[in-house]
Amino acid sequence: MTGWVILVDQPKDLPNADTPHKVITTSEYLARPRLFDMGRPKLVNLARSYAYQSKGYYASLLAEARGHRVVPTVETMLELREAKLYEHALPKLEDELNRCARRADFQPEGEFKLLVCFGITRDPRFESFARMLFDWFRCPALEVNVEAGTWLSIDRIRPRNITRLANGEALFLREALHQHTKREWRDPKARTVPKYDLAVLYDPNEKMAPSSPDSIKHMARIAERLSVDVEPVTRRQLAEVGEYDGLFIRETTSIDNHTYRFARRAWQEGMPVIDDPISMIRCTNKVFLMELLGQNQVATPPTVMLADVGDLEPGGDAADRDARRRRRSAESDGRARPAAGCKNSRRLVLARHPQSGYA
């Protein structure tokens, strides 16, 4: 037998009268290993559960052992168990989801769900997304929870129990099954394994971060095309840095917080890192930059370096007098005060010339 066979846990889950194909129970399939010795059937596993070591799980597992083609495979079942296992597919899926929404001018006000059966959705606006989802995860019925916003994001993907379909969903599943079994069997597209893993350090609570979460997601989508897997990490994951091939710091860097420790650890591991610790030491220090630019004759706005207010002695050139005037004016209206709790008043300051237009 080389035709389609539907596996169900109970005969009432999909009566034979509802489909032209042979319907048998998972128990029968498991108990009769030589049932299809004369052919290579194409199985659709509609078990109520795909949980590990359930009847549905073992039906797909033994189908592979018997050389039968089956949807879903054990790999798909396990991959859909938790978000961490299928997050690699989210950048492409979300990209297609948002493309469909823009094309239809669809702007949801809140979270919504999509039911996708055999690559077909009840909402025609998301047809191409449904096909892509089924190509990633060959599962008969999938429910996708989508979070609304300027960028639609996928919160969850899970298989649907066919006995819990309501409001016409069961009929939709049978129609989608009929459409699917009319086509030739197609194996899933081969997915390339990323060559590199890039950690991106970010702080989701930083208000003026160098890169927003949306920018990091966009970078992840582009990086995937180049066989690079982007993994956002936070300050609590310093011990995991050595597991990656590179580190990209997208927090405001400073040599006296965790960003420097991350950069230093990556550098010690021999990993490419931006910003590297040497650059952080130098580029966060404006005195160093002023000296370096001057030594290399790079044009800069006229600049003076002050150690404290005593460096502004009476007299001097017009620039010095103007600087004193500006300081007195600031003090008079309360805009210039010593930093609270400052123990050392001799703080190094760079002040640009007022003629250059820089404060």
Protein backbone atom coordinates (compact mmCIF):
# COMPACT_ATOMS: atom_id res chain seq x y z
CA MET A 1 0.00 0.00 0.00
CA THR A 2 1.40 3.37 -1.02
CA GLY A 3 -1.61 5.63 -0.37
CA TRP A 4 -2.50 7.90 2.52
CA VAL A 5 -3.32 6.48 5.95
CA ILE A 6 -4.72 8.57 8.80
CA LEU A 7 -3.74 7.67 12.38
CA VAL A 8 -6.11 8.63 15.21
CA ASP A 9 -6.32 7.69 18.87
CA GLN A 10 -10.04 6.90 18.71
CA PRO A 11 -12.15 6.04 15.63
CA LYS A 12 -14.60 8.84 16.50
CA ASP A 13 -11.80 11.42 16.17
CA LEU A 14 -12.06 11.16 12.38
CA PRO A 15 -14.67 8.70 11.11
CA ASN A 16 -13.89 6.82 7.90
CA ALA A 17 -16.93 8.46 6.34
CA ASP A 18 -15.26 11.86 6.61
CA THR A 19 -12.29 10.99 4.41
CA PRO A 20 -11.62 8.79 1.39
CA HIS A 21 -8.45 7.49 3.04
CA LYS A 22 -7.93 4.57 5.36
CA VAL A 23 -8.24 5.49 9.04
CA ILE A 24 -6.72 3.31 11.76
CA THR A 25 -5.97 3.86 15.44
CA THR A 26 -2.50 4.51 16.78
CA SER A 27 -2.84 1.42 18.98
CA GLU A 28 -3.50 -0.75 15.93
CA TYR A 29 -0.57 0.73 14.08
CA LEU A 30 1.77 0.18 17.01
CA ALA A 31 0.62 -3.38 17.57
CA ARG A 32 0.87 -4.53 13.93
CA PRO A 33 4.41 -3.86 12.65
CA ARG A 34 3.83 -5.82 9.42
CA LEU A 35 0.53 -4.10 8.57
CA PHE A 36 1.94 -2.38 5.48
CA ASP A 37 4.72 -4.75 4.47
CA MET A 38 3.62 -4.66 0.84
CA GLY A 39 4.02 -0.93 0.41
CA ARG A 40 5.23 2.39 1.78
CA PRO A 41 2.22 4.36 3.02
CA LYS A 42 2.10 8.09 3.67
CA LEU A 43 0.91 8.58 7.23
CA VAL A 44 -0.85 11.58 8.74
CA ASN A 45 -0.62 11.31 12.52
CA LEU A 46 -3.68 13.00 14.07
CA ALA A 47 -3.10 11.66 17.58
CA ARG A 48 -4.54 13.70 20.44
CA SER A 49 -1.10 14.18 21.96
CA TYR A 50 2.44 14.36 20.63
CA ALA A 51 3.97 14.40 24.11
CA TYR A 52 7.13 12.42 24.71
CA GLN A 53 6.39 8.65 24.90
CA SER A 54 2.69 9.11 24.13
CA LYS A 55 0.98 6.88 21.55
CA GLY A 56 1.21 9.69 19.02
CA TYR A 57 4.94 10.02 19.69
CA TYR A 58 5.61 6.31 19.29
CA ALA A 59 3.47 6.09 16.16
CA SER A 60 5.73 8.58 14.37
CA LEU A 61 8.86 7.06 15.88
CA LEU A 62 8.02 3.55 14.67
CA ALA A 63 6.84 4.87 11.31
CA GLU A 64 10.36 6.11 10.68
CA ALA A 65 11.77 2.77 11.83
CA ARG A 66 9.44 0.95 9.40
CA GLY A 67 10.39 3.19 6.51
CA HIS A 68 6.98 4.88 6.33
CA ARG A 69 6.62 8.57 5.54
CA VAL A 70 4.85 10.41 8.35
CA VAL A 71 3.62 13.86 9.35
CA PRO A 72 4.62 15.05 11.89
CA THR A 73 8.01 13.47 12.50
CA VAL A 74 9.40 12.92 15.99
CA GLU A 75 11.88 15.75 15.38
CA THR A 76 9.00 18.17 14.72
CA MET A 77 7.15 17.01 17.83
CA LEU A 78 10.17 17.62 20.05
CA GLU A 79 11.01 20.91 18.37
CA LEU A 80 7.56 22.31 19.13
CA ARG A 81 7.71 21.40 22.82
CA GLU A 82 9.27 24.71 23.89
CA ALA A 83 10.08 28.08 22.36
CA LYS A 84 13.81 27.68 22.91
CA LEU A 85 13.82 24.79 20.43
CA TYR A 86 12.00 26.57 17.61
CA GLU A 87 13.23 30.14 18.08
CA HIS A 88 15.72 29.65 15.23
CA ALA A 89 12.77 29.76 12.82
CA LEU A 90 11.15 32.89 14.25
CA PRO A 91 13.15 35.56 12.37
CA LYS A 92 12.03 34.28 8.96
CA LEU A 93 8.51 33.48 10.11
CA GLU A 94 8.01 36.90 11.68
CA ASP A 95 9.44 38.57 8.59
CA GLU A 96 6.85 36.83 6.41
CA LEU A 97 4.07 37.44 8.96
CA ASN A 98 4.72 41.18 8.92
CA ARG A 99 5.02 41.22 5.13
CA CYS A 100 1.54 39.70 4.90
CA ALA A 101 0.16 42.21 7.41
CA ARG A 102 1.63 45.18 5.55
CA ARG A 103 0.32 43.92 2.24
CA ALA A 104 -3.19 43.64 3.70
CA ASP A 105 -2.86 46.87 5.72
CA PHE A 106 -3.67 44.79 8.80
CA GLN A 107 -3.08 46.55 12.13
CA PRO A 108 -4.44 44.48 15.03
CA GLU A 109 -5.32 46.20 18.28
CA GLY A 110 -4.34 43.25 20.47
CA GLU A 111 -3.02 39.70 20.51
CA PHE A 112 -4.59 37.32 18.01
CA LYS A 113 -4.28 33.68 16.96
CA LEU A 114 -3.90 31.96 13.63
CA LEU A 115 -4.90 28.35 12.99
CA VAL A 116 -2.81 26.74 10.26
CA CYS A 117 -3.79 23.29 8.98
CA PHE A 118 -1.47 21.60 6.47
CA GLY A 119 -0.07 24.96 5.37
CA ILE A 120 -3.51 26.56 4.92
CA THR A 121 -5.01 29.27 7.13
CA ARG A 122 -8.58 30.39 7.52
CA ASP A 123 -7.42 33.99 7.09
CA PRO A 124 -6.47 34.40 3.39
CA ARG A 125 -4.31 37.44 4.22
CA PHE A 126 -1.70 35.11 5.72
CA GLU A 127 -1.54 32.40 3.05
CA SER A 128 2.18 32.74 2.35
CA PHE A 129 2.96 32.75 6.08
CA ALA A 130 0.94 29.56 6.54
CA ARG A 131 2.86 27.83 3.74
CA MET A 132 6.18 28.88 5.25
CA LEU A 133 5.12 27.72 8.72
CA PHE A 134 4.16 24.28 7.39
CA ASP A 135 7.43 24.05 5.53
CA TRP A 136 9.29 24.68 8.77
CA PHE A 137 7.10 22.47 10.93
CA ARG A 138 5.21 19.68 9.14
CA CYS A 139 2.41 19.36 11.65
CA PRO A 140 -1.28 18.86 10.73
CA ALA A 141 -2.74 21.62 12.91
CA LEU A 142 -0.76 24.48 14.44
CA GLU A 143 -1.92 27.45 16.46
CA VAL A 144 0.19 30.62 16.38
CA ASN A 145 -0.18 33.27 19.08
CA VAL A 146 0.78 36.68 17.70
CA GLU A 147 1.53 39.77 19.78
CA ALA A 148 0.39 43.07 18.28
CA GLY A 149 2.55 46.15 17.86
CA THR A 150 4.47 48.03 15.20
CA TRP A 151 6.20 44.68 14.59
CA LEU A 152 4.04 41.56 14.89
CA SER A 153 5.94 39.01 16.96
CA ILE A 154 5.23 35.32 17.48
CA ASP A 155 4.68 34.52 21.14
CA ARG A 156 3.95 30.81 20.79
CA ILE A 157 3.55 27.97 18.29
CA ARG A 158 1.80 24.81 19.42
CA PRO A 159 0.07 21.77 17.89
CA ARG A 160 -3.72 21.70 18.25
CA ASN A 161 -5.58 18.67 19.55
CA ILE A 162 -8.09 17.78 16.83
CA THR A 163 -10.73 16.84 19.42
CA ARG A 164 -10.69 20.40 20.77
CA LEU A 165 -11.33 22.21 17.52
CA ALA A 166 -14.47 24.35 17.63
CA ASN A 167 -16.46 26.93 15.65
CA GLY A 168 -15.96 25.25 12.30
CA GLU A 169 -12.26 24.49 12.90
CA ALA A 170 -12.81 20.72 12.63
CA LEU A 171 -14.44 21.12 9.23
CA PHE A 172 -11.59 23.40 8.15
CA LEU A 173 -9.08 20.74 9.22
CA ARG A 174 -10.84 18.06 7.16
CA GLU A 175 -10.94 20.32 4.11
CA ALA A 176 -7.24 21.15 4.52
CA LEU A 177 -6.45 17.44 4.93
CA HIS A 178 -8.32 16.74 1.69
CA GLN A 179 -6.34 19.44 -0.14
CA HIS A 180 -3.06 18.19 1.31
CA THR A 181 -3.60 14.55 0.34
CA LYS A 182 -4.41 15.53 -3.24
CA ARG A 183 -0.84 16.72 -3.69
CA GLU A 184 2.31 14.68 -4.11
CA TRP A 185 4.39 14.09 -1.01
CA ARG A 186 6.99 16.82 -0.50
CA ASP A 187 9.89 16.47 1.88
CA PRO A 188 10.67 19.54 3.99
CA LYS A 189 13.31 21.88 2.62
CA ALA A 190 16.76 21.27 3.97
CA ARG A 191 17.73 23.87 6.57
CA THR A 192 21.31 25.00 6.71
CA VAL A 193 22.96 24.83 10.11
CA PRO A 194 24.48 28.21 11.08
CA LYS A 195 28.25 28.32 10.78
CA TYR A 196 28.70 30.86 13.57
CA ASP A 197 26.99 31.88 16.81
CA LEU A 198 27.10 35.58 17.68
CA ALA A 199 26.21 36.79 21.18
CA VAL A 200 24.67 40.28 21.35
CA LEU A 201 24.88 41.90 24.77
CA TYR A 202 21.92 44.18 25.43
CA ASP A 203 19.88 45.63 28.27
CA PRO A 204 16.12 45.44 27.58
CA ASN A 205 15.53 48.19 30.16
CA GLU A 206 18.08 50.71 28.84
CA LYS A 207 16.19 53.79 27.65
CA MET A 208 18.89 55.16 25.32
CA ALA A 209 20.46 51.91 24.15
CA PRO A 210 22.73 51.92 21.08
CA SER A 211 20.35 49.44 19.42
CA SER A 212 16.67 48.81 20.09
CA PRO A 213 15.30 45.25 20.46
CA ASP A 214 13.66 45.64 17.04
CA SER A 215 17.03 46.53 15.50
CA ILE A 216 18.60 43.45 17.04
CA LYS A 217 15.78 41.28 15.66
CA HIS A 218 16.29 42.81 12.22
CA MET A 219 20.01 42.11 12.43
CA ALA A 220 19.22 38.50 13.38
CA ARG A 221 17.10 38.07 10.26
CA ILE A 222 19.86 39.41 8.03
CA ALA A 223 22.54 37.40 9.84
CA GLU A 224 20.62 34.18 9.35
CA ARG A 225 20.92 34.57 5.59
CA LEU A 226 24.69 34.71 6.09
CA SER A 227 24.68 31.55 8.23
CA VAL A 228 25.15 33.42 11.51
CA ASP A 229 22.90 32.68 14.47
CA VAL A 230 22.37 35.78 16.64
CA GLU A 231 21.67 35.15 20.34
CA PRO A 232 20.75 38.13 22.59
CA VAL A 233 22.36 37.85 26.03
CA THR A 234 22.13 39.95 29.19
CA ARG A 235 24.56 40.92 31.94
CA ARG A 236 23.73 37.75 33.89
CA GLN A 237 25.20 35.49 31.19
CA LEU A 238 28.87 36.39 31.49
CA ALA A 239 29.78 32.74 32.18
CA GLU A 240 28.28 31.71 28.81
CA VAL A 241 30.31 34.08 26.63
CA GLY A 242 32.90 31.43 25.80
CA GLU A 243 30.22 29.30 24.11
CA TYR A 244 29.91 31.76 21.21
CA ASP A 245 32.08 32.64 18.24
CA GLY A 246 31.86 36.40 18.70
CA LEU A 247 30.44 39.15 20.91
CA PHE A 248 28.67 42.33 19.80
CA ILE A 249 28.04 44.77 22.66
CA ARG A 250 24.89 46.83 22.14
CA GLU A 251 24.79 48.50 25.56
CA THR A 252 26.31 51.83 26.49
CA THR A 253 29.88 50.83 27.29
CA SER A 254 31.92 51.88 30.30
CA ILE A 255 35.11 50.55 31.83
CA ASP A 256 33.53 50.52 35.31
CA ASN A 257 30.53 48.26 34.60
CA HIS A 258 29.78 44.79 33.23
CA THR A 259 30.26 45.74 29.56
CA TYR A 260 34.02 45.95 30.10
CA ARG A 261 34.03 42.58 31.86
CA PHE A 262 32.19 41.03 28.92
CA ALA A 263 34.63 42.56 26.44
CA ARG A 264 37.60 41.41 28.51
CA ARG A 265 36.28 37.85 28.82
CA ALA A 266 35.64 37.61 25.07
CA TRP A 267 39.12 38.98 24.35
CA GLN A 268 40.65 36.41 26.69
CA GLU A 269 38.76 33.66 24.85
CA GLY A 270 40.26 34.84 21.54
CA MET A 271 36.86 35.87 20.20
CA PRO A 272 36.13 38.82 17.91
CA VAL A 273 34.42 41.47 20.05
CA ILE A 274 32.98 44.92 19.40
CA ASP A 275 33.80 47.01 21.37
CA ASP A 276 37.09 45.38 22.36
CA PRO A 277 38.53 46.29 25.80
CA ILE A 278 41.37 48.42 24.42
CA SER A 279 38.96 50.49 22.35
CA MET A 280 36.70 50.90 25.36
CA ILE A 281 39.59 52.19 27.48
CA ARG A 282 40.64 54.67 24.84
CA CYS A 283 37.45 55.77 23.14
CA THR A 284 35.50 56.41 26.32
CA ASN A 285 38.24 58.80 27.47
CA LYS A 286 37.87 62.20 25.78
CA VAL A 287 41.29 63.40 26.96
CA PHE A 288 42.93 60.50 25.15
CA LEU A 289 40.90 61.23 22.03
CA MET A 290 41.80 64.93 22.10
CA GLU A 291 45.48 64.09 22.41
CA LEU A 292 45.36 61.40 19.73
CA LEU A 293 43.52 63.59 17.24
CA GLY A 294 45.93 66.43 17.86
CA GLN A 295 49.00 64.23 17.42
CA ASN A 296 47.66 63.01 14.09
CA GLN A 297 46.67 66.50 12.95
CA VAL A 298 42.97 65.65 12.64
CA ALA A 299 40.86 68.82 12.52
CA THR A 300 38.75 69.35 15.65
CA PRO A 301 36.78 72.27 17.12
CA PRO A 302 39.00 74.57 19.23
CA THR A 303 39.25 72.86 22.62
CA VAL A 304 40.58 73.69 26.11
CA MET A 305 41.17 71.19 28.90
CA LEU A 306 40.32 72.17 32.47
CA ALA A 307 41.28 70.32 35.66
CA ASP A 308 39.18 72.60 37.88
CA VAL A 309 37.65 76.07 37.90
CA GLY A 310 40.93 77.58 39.12
CA ASP A 311 42.40 77.02 35.68
CA LEU A 312 40.28 79.92 34.47
CA GLU A 313 42.60 82.70 35.74
CA PRO A 314 41.67 86.43 35.39
CA GLY A 315 42.76 87.93 32.13
CA GLY A 316 43.63 85.64 29.31
CA ASP A 317 42.29 85.78 25.81
CA ALA A 318 38.74 86.55 24.74
CA ALA A 319 37.83 82.89 24.77
CA ASP A 320 38.83 82.55 28.44
CA ARG A 321 36.90 85.67 29.41
CA ASP A 322 33.83 84.46 27.56
CA ALA A 323 34.10 81.07 29.25
CA ARG A 324 34.19 82.74 32.68
CA ARG A 325 31.18 84.84 31.77
CA ARG A 326 29.24 81.77 30.68
CA ARG A 327 30.15 79.96 33.91
CA ARG A 328 29.04 82.89 36.10
CA SER A 329 25.77 83.09 34.20
CA ALA A 330 25.17 79.39 34.67
CA GLU A 331 25.90 79.60 38.41
CA SER A 332 23.53 82.54 38.84
CA ASP A 333 20.55 80.64 37.43
CA GLY A 334 21.40 77.39 39.23
CA ARG A 335 22.50 75.42 36.19
CA ALA A 336 26.07 74.84 37.41
CA ARG A 337 26.43 73.07 40.73
CA PRO A 338 29.00 70.63 42.14
CA ALA A 339 28.05 67.00 41.63
CA ALA A 340 26.27 65.58 44.67
CA GLY A 341 28.51 63.41 46.81
CA CYS A 342 31.62 64.21 44.78
CA LYS A 343 34.69 63.64 47.01
CA ASN A 344 37.29 64.82 44.53
CA SER A 345 36.64 68.28 43.13
CA ARG A 346 39.52 68.07 40.64
CA ARG A 347 37.52 66.39 37.88
CA LEU A 348 38.91 66.52 34.37
CA VAL A 349 36.66 68.47 31.99
CA LEU A 350 36.81 69.29 28.28
CA ALA A 351 35.21 72.60 27.28
CA ARG A 352 34.93 73.62 23.64
CA HIS A 353 35.37 77.22 22.47
CA PRO A 354 32.03 79.12 22.37
CA GLN A 355 32.96 80.50 18.91
CA SER A 356 32.75 76.96 17.52
CA GLY A 357 29.14 76.67 18.51
CA TYR A 358 29.75 73.87 21.04
CA ALA A 359 28.71 74.30 24.69
